[in-house]
Amino acid sequence: MSENGLPGLRGTDHIGFTVPNLDAAVDFFVNVIGCEAFYDLGPFRFDDDWMQRQLNVHPRTVMRRLTFLRCRHGSNFEIFEYEAPDQNTAQPKNSDVGGHHLAFYVDDMDAALAWLREKGVRILGEPVVRTDGPSAGQTWVYFLAPWGMQLELVSFPNGKGYEKDTDRRLWHPARPEA
């Protein structure tokens, strides 16, 4: 393990992202993905420049509400619903600066895909199976949240190709001790 970087770093505590409708997003993450909602905060509104100073958003931004969720053996999510005079409501693509996606590790890709299809979730293309290189053994496919956020299913039950060349391991939920 590297001694470089932040003193005392343990790992990722949560991933925060903004959605257009918090209730609909929490429903999706709880009832389709399988996360567990923990608590809500808000609204937060300030008459000074606190929002700009602390969060780098327009000073008249209102954080309507946020919800914390836990998603099984992965990072927590902090999901926000904002209202701002200069708000961009377009969902970024992966190719956009600030583009992103959340990847969910599953034990059974076929069962997970069947579940998403049963729930009416839009799957992008077909699963990609990696057979060589550092990601050999991995299968992945993208899908979209109802509001267009990019998500991914990923599975590599027998490990990844890079593992044969090193004793170091990337973390993943099926082997949290790594």
C-alpha atoms as a PDB file:
ATOM      1  CA  MET A   1       0.000   0.000   0.000  1.00  0.00           C
ATOM      2  CA  SER A   2       1.286   3.473  -0.864  1.00  0.00           C
ATOM      3  CA  GLU A   3       2.294   5.941   1.836  1.00  0.00           C
ATOM      4  CA  ASN A   4       1.632   8.859  -0.538  1.00  0.00           C
ATOM      5  CA  GLY A   5      -1.474  11.009  -0.394  1.00  0.00           C
ATOM      6  CA  LEU A   6      -3.826  12.121   2.348  1.00  0.00           C
ATOM      7  CA  PRO A   7      -2.694  11.298   5.862  1.00  0.00           C
ATOM      8  CA  GLY A   8      -5.107   8.799   7.433  1.00  0.00           C
ATOM      9  CA  LEU A   9      -6.970   8.003   4.188  1.00  0.00           C
ATOM     10  CA  ARG A  10      -9.190   4.929   4.638  1.00  0.00           C
ATOM     11  CA  GLY A  11     -11.224   4.968   1.437  1.00  0.00           C
ATOM     12  CA  THR A  12     -14.355   6.368  -0.165  1.00  0.00           C
ATOM     13  CA  ASP A  13     -17.102   7.256   2.317  1.00  0.00           C
ATOM     14  CA  HIS A  14     -19.788   8.285  -0.151  1.00  0.00           C
ATOM     15  CA  ILE A  15     -20.510   9.331  -3.705  1.00  0.00           C
ATOM     16  CA  GLY A  16     -22.718  12.382  -4.103  1.00  0.00           C
ATOM     17  CA  PHE A  17     -24.796  13.228  -7.158  1.00  0.00           C
ATOM     18  CA  THR A  18     -27.740  15.418  -8.082  1.00  0.00           C
ATOM     19  CA  VAL A  19     -31.027  14.171  -9.519  1.00  0.00           C
ATOM     20  CA  PRO A  20     -34.050  16.024 -10.890  1.00  0.00           C
ATOM     21  CA  ASN A  21     -36.544  14.345  -8.509  1.00  0.00           C
ATOM     22  CA  LEU A  22     -35.244  12.988  -5.206  1.00  0.00           C
ATOM     23  CA  ASP A  23     -38.311  10.883  -4.367  1.00  0.00           C
ATOM     24  CA  ALA A  24     -38.216   9.146  -7.767  1.00  0.00           C
ATOM     25  CA  ALA A  25     -34.455   8.564  -7.509  1.00  0.00           C
ATOM     26  CA  VAL A  26     -34.676   7.108  -3.996  1.00  0.00           C
ATOM     27  CA  ASP A  27     -37.514   4.841  -5.153  1.00  0.00           C
ATOM     28  CA  PHE A  28     -35.361   3.618  -8.068  1.00  0.00           C
ATOM     29  CA  PHE A  29     -32.243   3.014  -5.973  1.00  0.00           C
ATOM     30  CA  VAL A  30     -34.214   1.256  -3.211  1.00  0.00           C
ATOM     31  CA  ASN A  31     -36.768  -0.759  -5.195  1.00  0.00           C
ATOM     32  CA  VAL A  32     -34.854  -1.513  -8.399  1.00  0.00           C
ATOM     33  CA  ILE A  33     -31.165  -1.467  -7.413  1.00  0.00           C
ATOM     34  CA  GLY A  34     -31.587  -2.692  -3.814  1.00  0.00           C
ATOM     35  CA  CYS A  35     -30.037   0.108  -1.773  1.00  0.00           C
ATOM     36  CA  GLU A  36     -31.311   1.073   1.684  1.00  0.00           C
ATOM     37  CA  ALA A  37     -32.380   4.644   2.495  1.00  0.00           C
ATOM     38  CA  PHE A  38     -31.059   5.958   5.817  1.00  0.00           C
ATOM     39  CA  TYR A  39     -31.951   9.610   6.362  1.00  0.00           C
ATOM     40  CA  ASP A  40     -32.904  12.921   4.756  1.00  0.00           C
ATOM     41  CA  LEU A  41     -31.674  16.458   5.370  1.00  0.00           C
ATOM     42  CA  GLY A  42     -32.890  19.837   4.146  1.00  0.00           C
ATOM     43  CA  PRO A  43     -34.000  22.099   2.767  1.00  0.00           C
ATOM     44  CA  PHE A  44     -31.009  24.442   2.955  1.00  0.00           C
ATOM     45  CA  ARG A  45     -31.249  28.045   1.755  1.00  0.00           C
ATOM     46  CA  PHE A  46     -28.980  30.971   2.652  1.00  0.00           C
ATOM     47  CA  ASP A  47     -29.351  34.730   2.108  1.00  0.00           C
ATOM     48  CA  ASP A  48     -25.605  35.352   1.976  1.00  0.00           C
ATOM     49  CA  ASP A  49     -22.898  33.739  -0.171  1.00  0.00           C
ATOM     50  CA  TRP A  50     -22.626  30.524   1.905  1.00  0.00           C
ATOM     51  CA  MET A  51     -23.731  28.214  -0.958  1.00  0.00           C
ATOM     52  CA  GLN A  52     -21.199  29.769  -3.322  1.00  0.00           C
ATOM     53  CA  ARG A  53     -18.395  29.822  -0.751  1.00  0.00           C
ATOM     54  CA  GLN A  54     -18.948  26.299   0.596  1.00  0.00           C
ATOM     55  CA  LEU A  55     -20.262  24.408  -2.454  1.00  0.00           C
ATOM     56  CA  ASN A  56     -19.181  26.513  -5.471  1.00  0.00           C
ATOM     57  CA  VAL A  57     -22.785  26.950  -6.672  1.00  0.00           C
ATOM     58  CA  HIS A  58     -24.912  30.042  -7.311  1.00  0.00           C
ATOM     59  CA  PRO A  59     -25.419  31.927  -4.005  1.00  0.00           C
ATOM     60  CA  ARG A  60     -29.233  31.663  -4.308  1.00  0.00           C
ATOM     61  CA  THR A  61     -29.148  27.904  -4.793  1.00  0.00           C
ATOM     62  CA  VAL A  62     -31.593  25.944  -2.666  1.00  0.00           C
ATOM     63  CA  MET A  63     -30.732  22.402  -1.680  1.00  0.00           C
ATOM     64  CA  ARG A  64     -34.290  21.116  -1.501  1.00  0.00           C
ATOM     65  CA  ARG A  65     -33.335  17.869   0.182  1.00  0.00           C
ATOM     66  CA  LEU A  66     -30.710  15.175   0.266  1.00  0.00           C
ATOM     67  CA  THR A  67     -30.930  11.493   1.155  1.00  0.00           C
ATOM     68  CA  PHE A  68     -28.215   9.113   2.273  1.00  0.00           C
ATOM     69  CA  LEU A  69     -28.424   5.523   1.042  1.00  0.00           C
ATOM     70  CA  ARG A  70     -26.299   2.452   1.566  1.00  0.00           C
ATOM     71  CA  CYS A  71     -25.844   0.123  -1.359  1.00  0.00           C
ATOM     72  CA  ARG A  72     -24.971  -3.266   0.116  1.00  0.00           C
ATOM     73  CA  HIS A  73     -21.175  -3.720   0.315  1.00  0.00           C
ATOM     74  CA  GLY A  74     -20.211  -0.597  -1.588  1.00  0.00           C
ATOM     75  CA  SER A  75     -19.967   3.106  -1.019  1.00  0.00           C
ATOM     76  CA  ASN A  76     -22.829   5.136   0.433  1.00  0.00           C
ATOM     77  CA  PHE A  77     -24.723   7.528  -1.846  1.00  0.00           C
ATOM     78  CA  GLU A  78     -25.624  11.116  -0.983  1.00  0.00           C
ATOM     79  CA  ILE A  79     -28.343  12.076  -3.452  1.00  0.00           C
ATOM     80  CA  PHE A  80     -29.294  15.742  -3.819  1.00  0.00           C
ATOM     81  CA  GLU A  81     -32.185  17.672  -5.306  1.00  0.00           C
ATOM     82  CA  TYR A  82     -31.222  21.297  -5.985  1.00  0.00           C
ATOM     83  CA  GLU A  83     -32.917  24.394  -7.345  1.00  0.00           C
ATOM     84  CA  ALA A  84     -30.600  27.079  -8.749  1.00  0.00           C
ATOM     85  CA  PRO A  85     -30.999  30.100 -11.032  1.00  0.00           C
ATOM     86  CA  ASP A  86     -28.172  28.869 -13.286  1.00  0.00           C
ATOM     87  CA  GLN A  87     -28.868  25.126 -13.028  1.00  0.00           C
ATOM     88  CA  ASN A  88     -27.952  22.934 -15.990  1.00  0.00           C
ATOM     89  CA  THR A  89     -30.572  20.178 -16.198  1.00  0.00           C
ATOM     90  CA  ALA A  90     -28.874  18.187 -18.981  1.00  0.00           C
ATOM     91  CA  GLN A  91     -27.465  14.827 -17.852  1.00  0.00           C
ATOM     92  CA  PRO A  92     -23.755  14.674 -18.825  1.00  0.00           C
ATOM     93  CA  LYS A  93     -22.545  11.922 -21.141  1.00  0.00           C
ATOM     94  CA  ASN A  94     -19.457   9.899 -20.226  1.00  0.00           C
ATOM     95  CA  SER A  95     -17.563  11.877 -22.864  1.00  0.00           C
ATOM     96  CA  ASP A  96     -18.459  15.237 -21.246  1.00  0.00           C
ATOM     97  CA  VAL A  97     -16.152  16.873 -18.733  1.00  0.00           C
ATOM     98  CA  GLY A  98     -17.692  15.804 -15.438  1.00  0.00           C
ATOM     99  CA  GLY A  99     -19.261  12.775 -17.100  1.00  0.00           C
ATOM    100  CA  HIS A 100     -19.558   9.790 -14.827  1.00  0.00           C
ATOM    101  CA  HIS A 101     -21.279   6.511 -14.141  1.00  0.00           C
ATOM    102  CA  LEU A 102     -21.926   4.261 -11.160  1.00  0.00           C
ATOM    103  CA  ALA A 103     -21.002   0.603 -11.540  1.00  0.00           C
ATOM    104  CA  PHE A 104     -22.770  -2.121  -9.553  1.00  0.00           C
ATOM    105  CA  TYR A 105     -21.022  -5.438  -9.064  1.00  0.00           C
ATOM    106  CA  VAL A 106     -23.371  -8.432  -9.436  1.00  0.00           C
ATOM    107  CA  ASP A 107     -22.745 -12.139  -8.937  1.00  0.00           C
ATOM    108  CA  ASP A 108     -25.059 -13.209 -11.783  1.00  0.00           C
ATOM    109  CA  MET A 109     -25.138 -10.930 -14.838  1.00  0.00           C
ATOM    110  CA  ASP A 110     -28.021 -12.772 -16.519  1.00  0.00           C
ATOM    111  CA  ALA A 111     -30.243 -12.621 -13.422  1.00  0.00           C
ATOM    112  CA  ALA A 112     -29.446  -8.934 -12.879  1.00  0.00           C
ATOM    113  CA  LEU A 113     -30.231  -8.080 -16.514  1.00  0.00           C
ATOM    114  CA  ALA A 114     -33.503 -10.020 -16.366  1.00  0.00           C
ATOM    115  CA  TRP A 115     -34.447  -8.088 -13.202  1.00  0.00           C
ATOM    116  CA  LEU A 116     -33.714  -4.724 -14.805  1.00  0.00           C
ATOM    117  CA  ARG A 117     -35.654  -5.635 -17.952  1.00  0.00           C
ATOM    118  CA  GLU A 118     -38.613  -6.780 -15.820  1.00  0.00           C
ATOM    119  CA  LYS A 119     -38.550  -3.347 -14.138  1.00  0.00           C
ATOM    120  CA  GLY A 120     -38.581  -1.585 -17.538  1.00  0.00           C
ATOM    121  CA  VAL A 121     -35.019  -0.251 -17.253  1.00  0.00           C
ATOM    122  CA  ARG A 122     -33.320   0.736 -20.517  1.00  0.00           C
ATOM    123  CA  ILE A 123     -30.260  -1.440 -21.173  1.00  0.00           C
ATOM    124  CA  LEU A 124     -27.654   0.006 -23.556  1.00  0.00           C
ATOM    125  CA  GLY A 125     -26.477  -2.632 -26.006  1.00  0.00           C
ATOM    126  CA  GLU A 126     -25.445  -6.113 -24.985  1.00  0.00           C
ATOM    127  CA  PRO A 127     -23.066  -7.290 -22.262  1.00  0.00           C
ATOM    128  CA  VAL A 128     -19.402  -6.979 -23.211  1.00  0.00           C
ATOM    129  CA  VAL A 129     -17.233  -9.952 -22.250  1.00  0.00           C
ATOM    130  CA  ARG A 130     -13.510  -9.283 -21.843  1.00  0.00           C
ATOM    131  CA  THR A 131     -11.401 -12.302 -22.786  1.00  0.00           C
ATOM    132  CA  ASP A 132      -7.901 -10.820 -22.758  1.00  0.00           C
ATOM    133  CA  GLY A 133      -5.864  -8.047 -21.204  1.00  0.00           C
ATOM    134  CA  PRO A 134      -6.004  -6.749 -17.636  1.00  0.00           C
ATOM    135  CA  SER A 135      -9.824  -6.890 -17.537  1.00  0.00           C
ATOM    136  CA  ALA A 136     -10.067 -10.462 -18.875  1.00  0.00           C
ATOM    137  CA  GLY A 137     -12.858 -12.308 -17.089  1.00  0.00           C
ATOM    138  CA  GLN A 138     -15.008  -9.208 -16.702  1.00  0.00           C
ATOM    139  CA  THR A 139     -18.479  -8.742 -18.173  1.00  0.00           C
ATOM    140  CA  TRP A 140     -20.134  -5.328 -18.218  1.00  0.00           C
ATOM    141  CA  VAL A 141     -23.152  -3.517 -19.643  1.00  0.00           C
ATOM    142  CA  TYR A 142     -24.490   0.018 -19.240  1.00  0.00           C
ATOM    143  CA  PHE A 143     -28.069   0.931 -18.355  1.00  0.00           C
ATOM    144  CA  LEU A 144     -29.909   4.162 -17.605  1.00  0.00           C
ATOM    145  CA  ALA A 145     -31.735   5.411 -14.549  1.00  0.00           C
ATOM    146  CA  PRO A 146     -35.207   6.776 -15.400  1.00  0.00           C
ATOM    147  CA  TRP A 147     -33.785  10.336 -15.504  1.00  0.00           C
ATOM    148  CA  GLY A 148     -30.919   9.321 -17.837  1.00  0.00           C
ATOM    149  CA  MET A 149     -28.034   8.842 -15.386  1.00  0.00           C
ATOM    150  CA  GLN A 150     -25.534   6.301 -16.687  1.00  0.00           C
ATOM    151  CA  LEU A 151     -25.159   3.144 -14.620  1.00  0.00           C
ATOM    152  CA  GLU A 152     -23.300  -0.113 -15.197  1.00  0.00           C
ATOM    153  CA  LEU A 153     -23.529  -3.750 -14.215  1.00  0.00           C
ATOM    154  CA  VAL A 154     -20.172  -5.476 -13.865  1.00  0.00           C
ATOM    155  CA  SER A 155     -19.195  -9.008 -12.898  1.00  0.00           C
ATOM    156  CA  PHE A 156     -15.935 -10.945 -12.758  1.00  0.00           C
ATOM    157  CA  PRO A 157     -16.612 -13.946 -10.505  1.00  0.00           C
ATOM    158  CA  ASN A 158     -13.272 -15.602 -11.318  1.00  0.00           C
ATOM    159  CA  GLY A 159     -11.222 -12.424 -11.001  1.00  0.00           C
ATOM    160  CA  LYS A 160      -9.606 -10.252 -13.656  1.00  0.00           C
ATOM    161  CA  GLY A 161      -6.666 -10.899 -15.926  1.00  0.00           C
ATOM    162  CA  TYR A 162      -4.319  -8.457 -14.197  1.00  0.00           C
ATOM    163  CA  GLU A 163      -4.482 -10.567 -11.000  1.00  0.00           C
ATOM    164  CA  LYS A 164      -2.214 -13.272 -12.446  1.00  0.00           C
ATOM    165  CA  ASP A 165       0.669 -10.764 -12.703  1.00  0.00           C
ATOM    166  CA  THR A 166       0.563  -9.203  -9.226  1.00  0.00           C
ATOM    167  CA  ASP A 167      -0.509  -9.873  -5.665  1.00  0.00           C
ATOM    168  CA  ARG A 168      -2.085  -6.378  -5.513  1.00  0.00           C
ATOM    169  CA  ARG A 169      -5.865  -6.203  -5.940  1.00  0.00           C
ATOM    170  CA  LEU A 170      -8.382  -3.540  -6.793  1.00  0.00           C
ATOM    171  CA  TRP A 171     -11.150  -3.415  -4.210  1.00  0.00           C
ATOM    172  CA  HIS A 172     -14.553  -4.812  -5.103  1.00  0.00           C
ATOM    173  CA  PRO A 173     -17.629  -5.828  -3.093  1.00  0.00           C
ATOM    174  CA  ALA A 174     -17.169  -9.583  -3.536  1.00  0.00           C
ATOM    175  CA  ARG A 175     -13.736  -9.365  -1.870  1.00  0.00           C
ATOM    176  CA  PRO A 176     -13.893  -6.431   0.553  1.00  0.00           C
ATOM    177  CA  GLU A 177     -10.730  -7.611   2.326  1.00  0.00           C
ATOM    178  CA  ALA A 178      -8.603  -6.967  -0.803  1.00  0.00           C
END
